[in-house]
N, C-alpha and C. Protein backbone atom coordinates (compact mmCIF):
# COMPACT_ATOMS: atom_id res chain seq x y z
N MET A 1 20.49 -64.14 42.47
CA MET A 1 20.07 -62.61 42.25
C MET A 1 21.65 -61.70 43.05
N MET A 2 21.95 -60.61 42.37
CA MET A 2 22.99 -59.87 41.91
C MET A 2 22.19 -58.55 43.42
N ASP A 3 24.23 -58.95 44.54
CA ASP A 3 24.08 -57.97 45.58
C ASP A 3 24.36 -56.71 44.78
N THR A 4 22.60 -55.98 45.46
CA THR A 4 22.93 -54.52 44.84
C THR A 4 24.07 -53.88 46.32
N SER A 5 24.21 -54.21 47.31
CA SER A 5 24.49 -53.11 47.59
C SER A 5 26.41 -52.98 47.59
N THR A 6 27.56 -53.39 46.23
CA THR A 6 28.33 -53.98 45.60
C THR A 6 28.53 -52.34 44.19
N ARG A 7 29.26 -52.04 44.41
CA ARG A 7 29.14 -50.50 43.35
C ARG A 7 30.31 -50.99 42.84
N TYR A 8 30.15 -50.71 40.95
CA TYR A 8 31.37 -50.95 40.34
C TYR A 8 31.91 -49.96 39.49
N TYR A 9 32.64 -49.83 39.70
CA TYR A 9 32.92 -48.48 38.50
C TYR A 9 34.02 -49.11 37.80
N ILE A 10 34.99 -48.22 36.44
CA ILE A 10 35.84 -48.11 35.98
C ILE A 10 37.02 -47.13 36.61
N CYS A 11 38.34 -48.57 36.59
CA CYS A 11 39.41 -47.74 36.94
C CYS A 11 40.03 -47.37 36.18
N TRP A 12 40.64 -46.51 35.74
CA TRP A 12 42.10 -45.64 34.81
C TRP A 12 43.54 -46.06 35.24
N TYR A 13 44.24 -47.07 34.64
CA TYR A 13 45.52 -46.88 35.21
C TYR A 13 46.01 -46.52 33.86
N ARG A 14 47.31 -45.98 34.07
CA ARG A 14 48.16 -45.88 33.68
C ARG A 14 50.15 -46.69 33.80
N LEU A 15 50.65 -47.53 32.53
CA LEU A 15 50.94 -47.89 32.70
C LEU A 15 52.33 -48.28 31.63
N ASP A 16 53.68 -47.76 31.79
CA ASP A 16 54.66 -47.79 30.49
C ASP A 16 53.93 -47.92 29.13
N GLY A 17 53.29 -46.54 30.13
CA GLY A 17 53.01 -45.77 28.92
C GLY A 17 51.50 -45.86 28.22
N LEU A 18 51.10 -47.10 28.54
CA LEU A 18 50.41 -47.38 28.22
C LEU A 18 48.52 -46.82 29.17
N ASP A 19 47.35 -46.17 28.31
CA ASP A 19 46.07 -46.39 29.39
C ASP A 19 45.18 -47.05 29.20
N SER A 20 44.75 -48.10 30.49
CA SER A 20 43.33 -49.53 30.38
C SER A 20 43.05 -49.23 31.51
N TYR A 21 42.20 -49.66 31.61
CA TYR A 21 40.66 -50.28 32.08
C TYR A 21 40.51 -51.15 32.97
N VAL A 22 39.93 -51.09 34.46
CA VAL A 22 39.75 -52.46 35.29
C VAL A 22 38.79 -52.07 36.19
N ILE A 23 37.50 -53.02 36.08
CA ILE A 23 36.57 -52.63 36.77
C ILE A 23 36.81 -52.96 38.01
N TRP A 24 36.29 -51.78 39.42
CA TRP A 24 36.78 -52.13 40.77
C TRP A 24 35.69 -52.16 40.51
N TYR A 25 34.95 -52.40 42.36
CA TYR A 25 34.15 -52.99 42.92
C TYR A 25 34.33 -52.35 44.64
N SER A 26 32.96 -52.07 45.09
CA SER A 26 33.40 -51.63 46.40
C SER A 26 31.85 -51.63 47.12
N ASN A 27 32.29 -52.30 48.39
CA ASN A 27 31.25 -53.38 48.83
C ASN A 27 31.72 -53.22 50.29
N GLU A 28 31.25 -54.04 51.51
CA GLU A 28 32.30 -54.12 52.58
C GLU A 28 34.06 -54.66 52.39
N ARG A 29 33.93 -55.16 51.29
CA ARG A 29 35.66 -54.98 50.92
C ARG A 29 35.75 -54.51 49.21
N ASP A 30 36.62 -53.96 49.69
CA ASP A 30 36.82 -52.79 47.71
C ASP A 30 37.88 -54.24 47.31
N GLY A 31 37.86 -54.38 46.01
CA GLY A 31 38.55 -54.66 44.69
C GLY A 31 38.25 -54.57 43.78
N VAL A 32 38.53 -55.77 42.76
CA VAL A 32 38.85 -55.73 41.45
C VAL A 32 37.86 -56.96 41.09
N LEU A 33 37.15 -56.63 39.70
CA LEU A 33 36.21 -57.38 39.53
C LEU A 33 37.38 -58.93 38.77
N THR A 34 37.98 -60.64 38.58
CA THR A 34 38.64 -61.30 38.17
C THR A 34 37.40 -62.19 37.59
N ASP A 35 38.65 -62.51 36.14
CA ASP A 35 37.83 -63.47 34.77
C ASP A 35 38.16 -65.15 35.58
N GLN A 36 39.02 -64.83 36.72
CA GLN A 36 39.15 -66.62 36.45
C GLN A 36 40.10 -65.96 38.45
N PRO A 37 39.93 -66.93 38.83
CA PRO A 37 40.20 -66.59 39.88
C PRO A 37 42.12 -65.89 40.78
N LEU A 38 42.26 -66.13 39.44
CA LEU A 38 44.25 -65.70 38.95
C LEU A 38 44.16 -64.80 38.65
N LEU A 39 43.20 -64.09 37.18
CA LEU A 39 44.04 -62.65 36.40
C LEU A 39 42.20 -62.04 36.63
N VAL A 40 43.06 -61.27 36.25
CA VAL A 40 42.34 -59.48 36.13
C VAL A 40 42.43 -58.75 35.28
N PRO A 41 41.19 -59.08 34.49
CA PRO A 41 40.86 -58.28 32.86
C PRO A 41 40.81 -57.39 33.41
N SER A 42 41.33 -56.28 32.15
CA SER A 42 42.16 -54.92 31.85
C SER A 42 41.56 -55.08 30.10
N PHE A 43 41.08 -53.62 30.41
CA PHE A 43 40.84 -53.82 28.85
C PHE A 43 41.44 -52.18 28.29
N PRO A 44 42.01 -52.04 26.99
CA PRO A 44 42.21 -50.92 26.68
C PRO A 44 41.06 -49.30 26.28
N SER A 45 39.65 -49.64 26.25
CA SER A 45 39.56 -48.80 26.57
C SER A 45 37.59 -48.51 27.28
N MET A 46 37.42 -47.57 28.11
CA MET A 46 36.44 -47.69 29.53
C MET A 46 35.15 -47.90 28.23
N GLU A 47 34.91 -47.61 27.46
CA GLU A 47 34.30 -48.99 26.51
C GLU A 47 33.87 -50.32 26.37
N GLN A 48 34.94 -51.09 26.19
CA GLN A 48 35.46 -51.98 26.15
C GLN A 48 35.16 -53.18 27.64
N ALA A 49 35.16 -52.13 28.57
CA ALA A 49 35.42 -52.47 30.10
C ALA A 49 33.78 -52.51 30.47
N ARG A 50 33.44 -51.38 29.55
CA ARG A 50 31.89 -51.18 30.20
C ARG A 50 31.29 -52.45 29.03
N SER A 51 31.49 -53.11 28.20
CA SER A 51 31.03 -53.79 27.43
C SER A 51 31.02 -55.31 27.91
N TYR A 52 32.42 -55.22 28.47
CA TYR A 52 32.88 -56.47 29.11
C TYR A 52 31.86 -56.42 31.25
N ALA A 53 31.26 -55.76 30.67
CA ALA A 53 30.40 -55.59 32.58
C ALA A 53 29.38 -56.06 31.57
N GLU A 54 29.00 -55.79 31.30
CA GLU A 54 27.31 -55.93 30.53
C GLU A 54 27.19 -57.09 30.34
N GLN A 55 28.48 -57.79 29.96
CA GLN A 55 28.20 -59.49 28.96
C GLN A 55 27.86 -60.13 30.61
N VAL A 56 28.44 -59.54 31.56
CA VAL A 56 28.87 -60.46 32.76
C VAL A 56 28.00 -60.50 33.56
N GLY A 57 26.86 -59.39 33.51
CA GLY A 57 25.78 -58.44 33.93
C GLY A 57 25.67 -57.75 35.21
N ILE A 58 26.92 -57.26 34.98
CA ILE A 58 26.95 -55.93 35.85
C ILE A 58 26.88 -54.70 35.35
N GLN A 59 26.83 -53.88 36.35
CA GLN A 59 26.05 -52.60 35.77
C GLN A 59 27.21 -51.45 36.75
N VAL A 60 28.00 -50.74 35.43
CA VAL A 60 29.06 -49.36 36.22
C VAL A 60 28.76 -48.05 36.61
N GLU A 61 28.85 -47.29 37.61
CA GLU A 61 28.64 -46.26 37.66
C GLU A 61 28.55 -45.72 36.67
N ALA A 62 28.98 -44.37 36.56
CA ALA A 62 28.31 -43.67 35.48
C ALA A 62 30.02 -42.52 35.46
N GLU A 63 29.85 -42.88 37.39
CA GLU A 63 31.12 -41.59 38.08
C GLU A 63 32.49 -41.94 36.70
N GLU A 64 33.17 -40.77 36.72
CA GLU A 64 34.61 -40.76 35.57
C GLU A 64 35.49 -40.92 36.05
N PRO A 65 36.55 -42.06 35.43
CA PRO A 65 37.53 -42.48 36.41
C PRO A 65 38.15 -41.20 36.62
N VAL A 66 39.50 -41.20 37.50
CA VAL A 66 40.89 -40.72 38.16
C VAL A 66 41.80 -41.51 37.97
N LEU A 67 42.47 -41.06 37.24
CA LEU A 67 43.89 -41.65 36.71
C LEU A 67 44.76 -42.27 37.81
N HIS A 68 45.21 -43.92 38.25
CA HIS A 68 46.06 -44.50 38.74
C HIS A 68 47.50 -44.23 37.51
N ASN A 69 47.63 -42.95 38.45
CA ASN A 69 48.74 -43.55 37.05
C ASN A 69 50.48 -44.06 37.55
N LEU A 70 50.90 -45.24 36.90
CA LEU A 70 51.43 -46.20 37.78
C LEU A 70 53.01 -45.88 37.49
N ASP A 71 53.59 -45.17 35.93
CA ASP A 71 54.43 -45.16 35.54
C ASP A 71 55.09 -43.82 35.98
N ILE A 72 54.41 -43.28 37.53
CA ILE A 72 54.87 -41.93 38.65
C ILE A 72 55.85 -42.75 39.25
N LEU A 73 54.94 -44.31 40.00
CA LEU A 73 55.75 -44.80 41.20
C LEU A 73 56.23 -46.40 39.39
N SER A 74 56.14 -46.46 38.76
CA SER A 74 57.60 -47.27 38.51
C SER A 74 58.89 -46.55 37.86
N GLU A 75 58.51 -45.15 37.59
CA GLU A 75 59.83 -44.61 37.62
C GLU A 75 60.80 -44.50 39.05
N TRP A 76 59.86 -44.11 40.26
CA TRP A 76 60.40 -43.42 40.74
C TRP A 76 61.14 -45.32 41.50
N LEU A 77 60.67 -46.29 41.45
CA LEU A 77 61.31 -47.60 41.98
C LEU A 77 62.53 -47.77 41.49
N ARG A 78 63.39 -47.56 39.92
CA ARG A 78 63.91 -47.18 39.56
C ARG A 78 64.98 -46.31 40.29
N SER A 79 65.38 -45.56 41.08
CA SER A 79 65.89 -44.91 41.73
C SER A 79 64.77 -44.09 42.85
N PRO A 80 64.71 -44.74 43.90
CA PRO A 80 64.30 -44.63 45.05
C PRO A 80 64.39 -43.38 46.14
N ASP A 81 64.24 -42.01 45.88
CA ASP A 81 64.38 -41.40 47.68
C ASP A 81 63.65 -40.21 47.83
N ASN A 82 63.80 -39.71 49.22
CA ASN A 82 62.57 -38.96 49.79
C ASN A 82 62.14 -37.98 49.08
N ARG A 83 62.83 -37.17 48.07
CA ARG A 83 62.59 -36.30 47.42
C ARG A 83 61.82 -36.18 46.60
N THR A 84 61.67 -37.01 46.40
CA THR A 84 60.58 -37.94 44.56
C THR A 84 59.55 -38.55 44.87
N ILE A 85 59.02 -38.71 46.07
CA ILE A 85 57.51 -39.34 47.06
C ILE A 85 56.66 -38.54 46.53
N ARG A 86 55.50 -38.76 45.64
CA ARG A 86 54.12 -38.53 45.56
C ARG A 86 53.55 -39.45 45.80
N CYS A 87 53.01 -38.53 47.19
CA CYS A 87 52.46 -39.03 48.24
C CYS A 87 50.42 -39.43 47.25
N ASP A 88 50.26 -38.82 46.74
CA ASP A 88 49.17 -39.01 46.16
C ASP A 88 49.11 -40.30 45.09
N HIS A 89 50.13 -40.28 44.59
CA HIS A 89 50.33 -41.26 43.89
C HIS A 89 50.45 -42.51 44.09
N PHE A 90 51.11 -42.69 45.19
CA PHE A 90 51.41 -43.87 46.06
C PHE A 90 50.91 -44.35 46.55
N LEU A 91 49.92 -42.90 47.13
CA LEU A 91 48.50 -43.70 47.92
C LEU A 91 47.50 -44.72 46.94
N SER A 92 47.59 -43.74 45.68
CA SER A 92 46.13 -44.55 45.48
C SER A 92 46.94 -46.01 44.27
N ALA A 93 48.40 -45.91 43.88
CA ALA A 93 49.10 -47.23 43.93
C ALA A 93 48.74 -48.22 44.40
N TRP A 94 48.61 -47.98 46.68
CA TRP A 94 48.98 -48.98 47.66
C TRP A 94 47.44 -49.59 47.23
N ASN A 95 46.54 -48.78 47.35
CA ASN A 95 45.51 -49.22 47.59
C ASN A 95 44.83 -49.50 46.68
N LEU A 96 45.08 -49.45 45.07
CA LEU A 96 45.25 -50.47 43.86
C LEU A 96 45.37 -51.48 44.46
N PHE A 97 46.58 -51.54 44.84
CA PHE A 97 47.25 -53.07 44.76
C PHE A 97 46.77 -53.97 46.37
N SER A 98 46.42 -53.50 47.33
CA SER A 98 45.47 -53.92 47.90
C SER A 98 44.79 -54.33 47.63
N ASP A 99 43.71 -53.17 46.98
CA ASP A 99 42.34 -54.08 46.54
C ASP A 99 42.60 -55.85 45.61
N ILE A 100 43.86 -55.62 44.34
CA ILE A 100 44.13 -56.78 43.54
C ILE A 100 44.27 -57.77 44.74
N ALA A 101 44.98 -58.16 45.09
CA ALA A 101 45.51 -58.45 46.31
C ALA A 101 43.95 -59.60 46.84
N SER A 102 43.41 -58.82 47.30
CA SER A 102 42.43 -59.42 48.22
C SER A 102 41.62 -59.43 46.99
N SER A 103 41.24 -59.68 45.70
CA SER A 103 40.56 -60.18 44.73
C SER A 103 41.39 -61.72 43.84
N VAL A 104 42.64 -61.57 43.97
CA VAL A 104 43.32 -62.68 43.10
C VAL A 104 43.54 -63.31 44.21
N GLU A 105 42.96 -65.16 43.80
CA GLU A 105 43.81 -65.83 44.80
C GLU A 105 44.13 -66.18 45.21
N GLY A 106 45.35 -66.31 46.70
CA GLY A 106 46.36 -66.38 46.58
C GLY A 106 46.86 -65.33 47.08
N ALA A 107 46.57 -64.02 46.24
CA ALA A 107 47.41 -62.94 46.36
C ALA A 107 48.01 -62.60 47.39
N ALA A 108 49.02 -61.81 47.83
CA ALA A 108 49.44 -61.06 48.62
C ALA A 108 50.67 -59.79 48.14
N PHE A 109 50.34 -59.03 49.31
CA PHE A 109 50.88 -57.45 48.78
C PHE A 109 51.23 -56.81 50.09
N GLU A 110 50.46 -56.57 50.53
CA GLU A 110 50.70 -56.51 52.59
C GLU A 110 51.16 -57.32 53.20
N GLN A 111 52.31 -57.82 53.25
CA GLN A 111 52.96 -58.66 54.25
C GLN A 111 52.99 -57.41 55.12
N GLU A 112 53.01 -58.54 57.00
CA GLU A 112 53.48 -58.73 58.27
C GLU A 112 54.52 -57.75 58.50
N GLU A 113 54.72 -55.83 58.16
CA GLU A 113 56.17 -55.79 58.43
C GLU A 113 56.15 -54.58 59.05
N ARG A 114 57.01 -54.28 60.00
CA ARG A 114 57.01 -53.82 61.22
C ARG A 114 57.06 -51.87 60.61
N GLY A 115 56.70 -50.80 60.86
CA GLY A 115 56.70 -49.71 59.79
C GLY A 115 55.78 -49.58 59.28
N VAL A 116 55.45 -50.53 58.44
CA VAL A 116 54.19 -50.38 57.34
C VAL A 116 52.91 -49.48 57.68
N LYS A 117 52.95 -50.02 58.21
CA LYS A 117 51.41 -49.48 58.80
C LYS A 117 51.28 -48.02 58.97
N ALA A 118 52.51 -47.39 59.50
CA ALA A 118 52.88 -45.69 59.86
C ALA A 118 53.56 -45.18 58.31
N ILE A 119 54.00 -46.10 57.46
CA ILE A 119 54.03 -45.28 55.72
C ILE A 119 52.77 -45.23 55.63
N TYR A 120 51.56 -46.20 55.05
CA TYR A 120 50.90 -46.16 54.68
C TYR A 120 49.94 -44.64 55.12
N ASN A 121 50.27 -44.49 56.27
CA ASN A 121 49.38 -43.38 57.47
C ASN A 121 49.88 -41.51 57.20
N LYS A 122 51.62 -41.72 56.80
CA LYS A 122 52.80 -41.18 56.44
C LYS A 122 51.67 -39.98 55.04
N LEU A 123 51.27 -41.28 54.47
CA LEU A 123 51.06 -41.45 52.74
C LEU A 123 49.38 -40.74 52.48
N PHE A 124 48.69 -41.16 53.71
CA PHE A 124 47.58 -40.62 53.24
C PHE A 124 47.32 -39.42 54.05
N GLU A 125 48.07 -38.82 55.21
CA GLU A 125 48.47 -37.66 55.92
C GLU A 125 48.88 -36.77 54.75
N GLY A 126 50.40 -36.71 54.02
CA GLY A 126 50.64 -36.15 53.23
C GLY A 126 50.00 -36.40 51.28
N ASN A 127 48.74 -36.51 51.48
CA ASN A 127 47.39 -36.50 50.33
C ASN A 127 47.12 -34.92 50.99
N ASN A 128 47.12 -34.38 52.04
CA ASN A 128 46.64 -33.03 52.81
C ASN A 128 44.75 -32.84 52.85
N LEU A 129 43.80 -34.02 52.77
CA LEU A 129 42.22 -33.59 52.10
C LEU A 129 42.25 -32.69 53.03
N PRO A 130 41.13 -32.05 52.73
CA PRO A 130 40.75 -30.65 53.48
C PRO A 130 40.28 -31.49 54.62
N SER A 131 38.46 -31.86 54.11
CA SER A 131 38.25 -32.81 55.34
C SER A 131 38.86 -33.41 56.84
N TRP A 132 40.29 -33.58 56.67
CA TRP A 132 41.42 -33.83 57.46
C TRP A 132 42.25 -33.02 57.99
N ARG A 133 41.78 -32.06 57.74
CA ARG A 133 43.29 -30.18 58.02
C ARG A 133 41.90 -29.15 57.78
N ALA A 134 42.93 -28.33 59.56
CA ALA A 134 41.86 -27.34 59.22
C ALA A 134 42.34 -26.55 57.85
N PRO A 135 41.99 -25.43 57.08
CA PRO A 135 42.57 -24.64 56.33
C PRO A 135 43.12 -23.43 56.32
N GLY A 136 44.06 -23.98 55.04
CA GLY A 136 45.62 -23.81 55.11
C GLY A 136 46.52 -24.47 56.00
N GLU A 137 45.94 -25.67 56.80
CA GLU A 137 46.78 -26.12 56.97
C GLU A 137 47.84 -27.16 56.04
N ILE A 138 49.21 -27.68 55.95
CA ILE A 138 50.03 -28.37 55.10
C ILE A 138 50.87 -29.55 56.01
N TYR A 139 50.36 -30.35 55.10
CA TYR A 139 51.82 -31.33 56.31
C TYR A 139 52.23 -32.12 54.81
N ILE A 140 53.25 -31.75 55.06
CA ILE A 140 54.71 -32.19 54.27
C ILE A 140 55.80 -33.42 54.90
N PRO A 141 55.18 -34.50 54.54
CA PRO A 141 56.32 -35.90 55.37
C PRO A 141 57.31 -35.47 54.77
N GLY A 142 58.62 -35.91 56.28
CA GLY A 142 59.93 -36.33 55.75
C GLY A 142 60.18 -37.95 55.77
N TRP A 143 61.13 -38.34 55.06
CA TRP A 143 61.15 -39.33 55.34
C TRP A 143 62.41 -40.33 55.43
N SER A 144 62.68 -41.13 55.88
CA SER A 144 64.23 -41.76 56.57
C SER A 144 64.30 -42.76 55.54
N GLU A 145 65.60 -42.63 55.88
CA GLU A 145 65.72 -44.09 54.66
C GLU A 145 65.61 -45.16 54.71
N ARG A 146 65.61 -45.38 55.94
CA ARG A 146 65.12 -46.91 56.42
C ARG A 146 62.93 -47.35 55.79
N GLU A 147 62.27 -45.81 55.76
CA GLU A 147 61.43 -45.58 55.53
C GLU A 147 61.20 -46.29 53.90
N VAL A 148 61.48 -44.99 53.63
CA VAL A 148 61.89 -44.95 51.83
C VAL A 148 62.21 -46.59 50.95
N ALA A 149 63.53 -47.49 52.18
CA ALA A 149 63.29 -49.23 51.96
C ALA A 149 62.42 -49.01 51.88
N GLN A 150 61.84 -49.95 52.91
CA GLN A 150 60.09 -50.28 53.42
C GLN A 150 59.26 -50.58 52.14
N MET A 151 59.14 -48.32 51.50
CA MET A 151 58.41 -48.65 50.46
C MET A 151 58.79 -48.73 49.04
N GLU A 152 59.80 -48.53 49.02
CA GLU A 152 60.06 -49.56 47.83
C GLU A 152 59.86 -50.75 47.74
N ARG A 153 59.95 -51.42 48.72
CA ARG A 153 59.87 -53.23 49.00
C ARG A 153 58.25 -53.70 48.88
N VAL A 154 57.86 -52.21 49.85
CA VAL A 154 56.50 -53.12 49.56
C VAL A 154 55.57 -52.14 48.16
N LEU A 155 56.21 -51.13 47.87
CA LEU A 155 55.00 -50.73 46.74
C LEU A 155 56.35 -51.84 44.95
N GLY A 156 57.13 -52.30 45.53
CA GLY A 156 57.84 -53.43 44.43
C GLY A 156 57.14 -53.98 44.27
N ARG A 157 57.03 -54.71 45.65
CA ARG A 157 55.86 -56.46 45.43
C ARG A 157 54.39 -55.78 44.88
N GLY A 158 53.87 -55.24 44.93
CA GLY A 158 52.09 -54.42 44.42
C GLY A 158 52.64 -54.52 43.16
N LEU A 159 53.96 -53.75 42.77
CA LEU A 159 53.69 -53.47 41.41
C LEU A 159 53.64 -54.95 40.50
N SER A 160 55.02 -55.61 40.66
CA SER A 160 54.89 -56.94 40.63
C SER A 160 53.97 -57.99 40.54
N LEU A 161 52.84 -57.63 41.49
CA LEU A 161 51.63 -58.23 41.42
C LEU A 161 50.68 -57.89 41.09
N PHE A 162 50.68 -56.70 40.44
CA PHE A 162 50.02 -56.04 39.88
C PHE A 162 50.42 -56.30 37.65
N ARG A 163 51.56 -56.49 37.94
CA ARG A 163 52.01 -56.86 35.99
C ARG A 163 51.61 -58.32 36.54
N ALA A 164 51.70 -59.17 37.08
CA ALA A 164 51.50 -60.63 37.02
C ALA A 164 50.25 -61.13 37.55
N VAL A 165 49.55 -60.33 37.09
CA VAL A 165 48.03 -60.27 37.27
C VAL A 165 47.09 -60.05 36.44
N VAL A 166 47.09 -58.94 36.26
CA VAL A 166 46.24 -57.56 35.52
C VAL A 166 46.79 -58.12 34.17
N VAL A 167 45.78 -59.03 33.71
CA VAL A 167 45.41 -59.04 32.06
C VAL A 167 44.71 -58.40 30.63
N ARG A 168 45.96 -57.26 30.29
CA ARG A 168 45.37 -56.40 29.17
C ARG A 168 44.55 -57.14 27.86
N GLN A 169 43.47 -57.05 27.44
CA GLN A 169 42.34 -58.16 26.86
C GLN A 169 42.93 -57.14 25.66
N GLU A 170 42.56 -58.16 24.14
CA GLU A 170 42.90 -57.43 22.74
C GLU A 170 41.89 -56.42 22.31
N GLY A 171 42.51 -55.58 21.89
CA GLY A 171 40.77 -54.46 21.52
C GLY A 171 41.23 -53.26 20.70
N GLU A 172 40.81 -53.03 20.14
CA GLU A 172 41.01 -51.20 19.45
C GLU A 172 40.17 -50.78 19.81
N GLY A 173 40.71 -49.02 19.78
CA GLY A 173 40.50 -47.45 20.46
C GLY A 173 40.74 -47.74 21.47
N THR A 174 40.85 -46.44 21.98
CA THR A 174 41.17 -45.36 23.07
C THR A 174 40.12 -44.79 23.77
N ASP A 175 40.58 -43.98 24.04
CA ASP A 175 40.00 -42.30 24.92
C ASP A 175 40.27 -41.18 25.27
N ASP A 176 39.48 -40.72 24.95
CA ASP A 176 40.22 -39.28 24.65
C ASP A 176 40.54 -39.10 26.46
N LEU A 177 40.65 -39.51 27.91
CA LEU A 177 40.32 -38.99 29.44
C LEU A 177 41.76 -38.39 29.15
N ARG A 178 43.14 -38.40 27.99
CA ARG A 178 44.76 -38.13 28.44
C ARG A 178 44.17 -36.58 28.40
């Protein structure tokens, strides 16, 4: 019997100039669908991701996916500095990497490192979500060299993990969501 409290969604990401999709789920613990204990299938189109979900008996929600643009992070990692940190993209990537690590057997992403939680919180606050801010209030985080170096290590580990375990499935077609 399928767990009806788990919700599945198509998760759209861009890496190396290619748009692709994985299946993300939310429950007591968020994660991504794996087809083997160590691999995450990725699809070149939403239709192929939906078809895969049907094949394995999963119904995905109809909600349109939001882009996780990992190219922005990848570019920053080549030359990290405190002036080009994009809180929205970096937080989105951090959360995705964390969900992948919790889904893939033996994967590690958020290693215990002093100050990492504070960096995550600053990225979160830097998104200026309306539910967390008074009207007109804007938070622009300042970043120390140490924080930039830590963020580079953590997000670099996450991107390396992503590249190691997310396997793009062969197939035709693209979606017109760009």
